Amino acid sequence: MQDMRHMNLFARITRVDTRFSFSYNDTLMFCVPKAKLSQALGKNAENLRKLSGILKKRIRVVVKPRGIEDIEFFIKSIVAPVEFNGLEIKGDEVVLTAGSQSKAALLGRNKRRLIEMKGIVKDFFSKEFRIV
């Protein structure tokens, strides 16, 4: 129910409809089509500041993936500024390789970020997610 409220508020402020919102690393993320990205952000990211002020949370807008070919760009935009070395798709599993510092940042305390990313990849691409 809370997600529906967030999406309705996002649509009212930005005038961009979205059906995809999720939380990652205490940040509320909204997925919009690439053509609507600048409209969703607003002039000088004005819409993001307004949303952030109302919801008292960090807000990010990412481009909605069109298919499995966009998975690397999608995951990079979610975990930014953390960098990773590579991403492989093996059958029904997505394997992300990262260095030790990046791996720690991607896993998070008590594997919280890993669990969140597993849910996101499962929802968008119907695949399992692993970090090595």
C-alpha atoms as a PDB file:
ATOM      1  CA  MET A   1       0.000   0.000   0.000  1.00  0.00           C
ATOM      2  CA  GLN A   2       2.859   2.350   0.837  1.00  0.00           C
ATOM      3  CA  ASP A   3       4.409   1.731  -2.597  1.00  0.00           C
ATOM      4  CA  MET A   4       1.136   2.732  -4.264  1.00  0.00           C
ATOM      5  CA  ARG A   5       1.117   5.996  -2.325  1.00  0.00           C
ATOM      6  CA  HIS A   6       4.706   6.692  -3.346  1.00  0.00           C
ATOM      7  CA  MET A   7       3.949   6.001  -7.023  1.00  0.00           C
ATOM      8  CA  ASN A   8       0.845   8.226  -6.947  1.00  0.00           C
ATOM      9  CA  LEU A   9       2.810  11.070  -5.377  1.00  0.00           C
ATOM     10  CA  PHE A  10       5.591  10.570  -7.943  1.00  0.00           C
ATOM     11  CA  ALA A  11       3.044  10.712 -10.781  1.00  0.00           C
ATOM     12  CA  ARG A  12       1.410  13.866  -9.379  1.00  0.00           C
ATOM     13  CA  ILE A  13       4.676  15.759  -8.981  1.00  0.00           C
ATOM     14  CA  THR A  14       6.503  14.607 -12.127  1.00  0.00           C
ATOM     15  CA  ARG A  15       3.537  13.970 -14.444  1.00  0.00           C
ATOM     16  CA  VAL A  16       5.167  10.648 -15.392  1.00  0.00           C
ATOM     17  CA  ASP A  17       3.289   7.423 -14.681  1.00  0.00           C
ATOM     18  CA  THR A  18       5.334   4.528 -13.386  1.00  0.00           C
ATOM     19  CA  ARG A  19       4.407   1.058 -12.215  1.00  0.00           C
ATOM     20  CA  PHE A  20       7.823   0.236 -10.806  1.00  0.00           C
ATOM     21  CA  SER A  21       9.223   1.437  -7.514  1.00  0.00           C
ATOM     22  CA  PHE A  22      11.444  -0.335  -5.033  1.00  0.00           C
ATOM     23  CA  SER A  23      13.787   0.353  -2.162  1.00  0.00           C
ATOM     24  CA  TYR A  24      17.536  -0.243  -2.253  1.00  0.00           C
ATOM     25  CA  ASN A  25      20.037   0.932   0.380  1.00  0.00           C
ATOM     26  CA  ASP A  26      17.476   3.194   2.110  1.00  0.00           C
ATOM     27  CA  THR A  27      16.797   4.933  -1.206  1.00  0.00           C
ATOM     28  CA  LEU A  28      13.427   4.908  -2.923  1.00  0.00           C
ATOM     29  CA  MET A  29      13.913   4.126  -6.626  1.00  0.00           C
ATOM     30  CA  PHE A  30      11.451   4.782  -9.423  1.00  0.00           C
ATOM     31  CA  CYS A  31      11.790   3.223 -12.887  1.00  0.00           C
ATOM     32  CA  VAL A  32      10.679   5.306 -15.858  1.00  0.00           C
ATOM     33  CA  PRO A  33      11.060   4.884 -19.633  1.00  0.00           C
ATOM     34  CA  LYS A  34      14.223   6.451 -21.056  1.00  0.00           C
ATOM     35  CA  ALA A  35      12.223   9.032 -23.033  1.00  0.00           C
ATOM     36  CA  LYS A  36      10.546  10.304 -19.834  1.00  0.00           C
ATOM     37  CA  LEU A  37      13.683  10.465 -17.659  1.00  0.00           C
ATOM     38  CA  SER A  38      14.332  14.201 -18.034  1.00  0.00           C
ATOM     39  CA  GLN A  39      10.671  15.009 -17.399  1.00  0.00           C
ATOM     40  CA  ALA A  40      10.714  12.864 -14.250  1.00  0.00           C
ATOM     41  CA  LEU A  41      13.824  14.588 -12.916  1.00  0.00           C
ATOM     42  CA  GLY A  42      12.547  18.081 -13.651  1.00  0.00           C
ATOM     43  CA  LYS A  43      14.574  21.209 -14.277  1.00  0.00           C
ATOM     44  CA  ASN A  44      17.727  21.076 -12.110  1.00  0.00           C
ATOM     45  CA  ALA A  45      16.345  17.912 -10.412  1.00  0.00           C
ATOM     46  CA  GLU A  46      13.596  20.030  -8.868  1.00  0.00           C
ATOM     47  CA  ASN A  47      11.100  17.132  -8.799  1.00  0.00           C
ATOM     48  CA  LEU A  48      13.533  14.901  -6.921  1.00  0.00           C
ATOM     49  CA  ARG A  49      14.148  17.544  -4.279  1.00  0.00           C
ATOM     50  CA  LYS A  50      10.415  18.083  -3.849  1.00  0.00           C
ATOM     51  CA  LEU A  51       9.733  14.336  -3.495  1.00  0.00           C
ATOM     52  CA  SER A  52      12.643  13.904  -1.123  1.00  0.00           C
ATOM     53  CA  GLY A  53      11.389  16.737   1.045  1.00  0.00           C
ATOM     54  CA  ILE A  54       7.879  15.327   1.246  1.00  0.00           C
ATOM     55  CA  LEU A  55       8.845  11.685   1.841  1.00  0.00           C
ATOM     56  CA  LYS A  56      11.947  12.393   3.956  1.00  0.00           C
ATOM     57  CA  LYS A  57      13.875   9.761   1.966  1.00  0.00           C
ATOM     58  CA  ARG A  58      16.553   9.764  -0.695  1.00  0.00           C
ATOM     59  CA  ILE A  59      14.993   9.430  -4.157  1.00  0.00           C
ATOM     60  CA  ARG A  60      16.550   8.150  -7.396  1.00  0.00           C
ATOM     61  CA  VAL A  61      15.079   7.710 -10.831  1.00  0.00           C
ATOM     62  CA  VAL A  62      16.483   4.952 -13.058  1.00  0.00           C
ATOM     63  CA  VAL A  63      15.722   3.904 -16.621  1.00  0.00           C
ATOM     64  CA  LYS A  64      13.349   0.958 -16.860  1.00  0.00           C
ATOM     65  CA  PRO A  65      15.018  -2.029 -18.556  1.00  0.00           C
ATOM     66  CA  ARG A  66      13.488  -3.170 -21.835  1.00  0.00           C
ATOM     67  CA  GLY A  67      14.790  -6.704 -21.495  1.00  0.00           C
ATOM     68  CA  ILE A  68      17.622  -8.923 -20.326  1.00  0.00           C
ATOM     69  CA  GLU A  69      20.078  -7.048 -22.586  1.00  0.00           C
ATOM     70  CA  ASP A  70      19.745  -3.967 -20.334  1.00  0.00           C
ATOM     71  CA  ILE A  71      20.514  -5.815 -17.102  1.00  0.00           C
ATOM     72  CA  GLU A  72      24.107  -4.573 -16.685  1.00  0.00           C
ATOM     73  CA  PHE A  73      23.190  -0.902 -17.208  1.00  0.00           C
ATOM     74  CA  PHE A  74      20.181  -1.292 -14.887  1.00  0.00           C
ATOM     75  CA  ILE A  75      22.220  -2.811 -12.047  1.00  0.00           C
ATOM     76  CA  LYS A  76      25.003  -0.219 -12.515  1.00  0.00           C
ATOM     77  CA  SER A  77      22.497   2.605 -12.194  1.00  0.00           C
ATOM     78  CA  ILE A  78      21.045   1.089  -9.011  1.00  0.00           C
ATOM     79  CA  VAL A  79      24.321   0.435  -7.177  1.00  0.00           C
ATOM     80  CA  ALA A  80      26.128   3.622  -8.309  1.00  0.00           C
ATOM     81  CA  PRO A  81      28.615   4.939  -7.167  1.00  0.00           C
ATOM     82  CA  VAL A  82      29.857   1.418  -6.276  1.00  0.00           C
ATOM     83  CA  GLU A  83      31.723  -0.132  -9.219  1.00  0.00           C
ATOM     84  CA  PHE A  84      31.886  -3.811 -10.146  1.00  0.00           C
ATOM     85  CA  ASN A  85      34.142  -5.729 -12.539  1.00  0.00           C
ATOM     86  CA  GLY A  86      31.648  -7.631 -14.644  1.00  0.00           C
ATOM     87  CA  LEU A  87      28.299  -9.289 -14.995  1.00  0.00           C
ATOM     88  CA  GLU A  88      27.518 -12.687 -16.506  1.00  0.00           C
ATOM     89  CA  ILE A  89      24.240 -14.404 -17.241  1.00  0.00           C
ATOM     90  CA  LYS A  90      24.512 -18.166 -16.757  1.00  0.00           C
ATOM     91  CA  GLY A  91      21.231 -19.889 -17.507  1.00  0.00           C
ATOM     92  CA  ASP A  92      18.735 -18.634 -14.948  1.00  0.00           C
ATOM     93  CA  GLU A  93      21.376 -16.938 -12.787  1.00  0.00           C
ATOM     94  CA  VAL A  94      23.028 -13.511 -12.882  1.00  0.00           C
ATOM     95  CA  VAL A  95      26.584 -13.525 -11.510  1.00  0.00           C
ATOM     96  CA  LEU A  96      28.234 -10.221 -10.580  1.00  0.00           C
ATOM     97  CA  THR A  97      32.016 -10.142 -10.064  1.00  0.00           C
ATOM     98  CA  ALA A  98      33.551  -7.451  -7.890  1.00  0.00           C
ATOM     99  CA  GLY A  99      36.744  -6.625  -5.981  1.00  0.00           C
ATOM    100  CA  SER A 100      36.915  -7.009  -2.213  1.00  0.00           C
ATOM    101  CA  GLN A 101      35.990  -3.375  -1.390  1.00  0.00           C
ATOM    102  CA  SER A 102      33.153  -3.290  -3.903  1.00  0.00           C
ATOM    103  CA  LYS A 103      31.942  -6.699  -2.820  1.00  0.00           C
ATOM    104  CA  ALA A 104      31.653  -5.526   0.780  1.00  0.00           C
ATOM    105  CA  ALA A 105      29.691  -2.458  -0.320  1.00  0.00           C
ATOM    106  CA  LEU A 106      27.408  -4.559  -2.539  1.00  0.00           C
ATOM    107  CA  LEU A 107      26.691  -7.089   0.217  1.00  0.00           C
ATOM    108  CA  GLY A 108      25.999  -4.592   2.990  1.00  0.00           C
ATOM    109  CA  ARG A 109      25.703  -5.253   6.698  1.00  0.00           C
ATOM    110  CA  ASN A 110      24.045  -8.629   7.348  1.00  0.00           C
ATOM    111  CA  LYS A 111      23.774  -9.067   3.542  1.00  0.00           C
ATOM    112  CA  ARG A 112      20.916  -6.549   3.476  1.00  0.00           C
ATOM    113  CA  ARG A 113      21.800  -5.036   0.085  1.00  0.00           C
ATOM    114  CA  LEU A 114      22.337  -8.489  -1.412  1.00  0.00           C
ATOM    115  CA  ILE A 115      18.870  -9.566  -0.302  1.00  0.00           C
ATOM    116  CA  GLU A 116      17.335  -6.373  -1.733  1.00  0.00           C
ATOM    117  CA  MET A 117      19.153  -6.839  -5.065  1.00  0.00           C
ATOM    118  CA  LYS A 118      18.072 -10.494  -5.259  1.00  0.00           C
ATOM    119  CA  GLY A 119      14.456  -9.359  -4.977  1.00  0.00           C
ATOM    120  CA  ILE A 120      14.896  -6.651  -7.624  1.00  0.00           C
ATOM    121  CA  VAL A 121      16.549  -9.020 -10.142  1.00  0.00           C
ATOM    122  CA  LYS A 122      13.887 -11.660  -9.445  1.00  0.00           C
ATOM    123  CA  ASP A 123      11.049  -9.165 -10.028  1.00  0.00           C
ATOM    124  CA  PHE A 124      12.437  -7.578 -13.198  1.00  0.00           C
ATOM    125  CA  PHE A 125      14.243 -10.468 -14.907  1.00  0.00           C
ATOM    126  CA  SER A 126      12.989 -13.677 -13.189  1.00  0.00           C
ATOM    127  CA  LYS A 127      16.559 -14.764 -12.471  1.00  0.00           C
ATOM    128  CA  GLU A 128      18.607 -15.587  -9.384  1.00  0.00           C
ATOM    129  CA  PHE A 129      21.404 -13.208  -8.320  1.00  0.00           C
ATOM    130  CA  ARG A 130      24.883 -13.927  -6.914  1.00  0.00           C
ATOM    131  CA  ILE A 131      27.989 -11.890  -6.116  1.00  0.00           C
ATOM    132  CA  VAL A 132      31.501 -13.375  -6.408  1.00  0.00           C
END
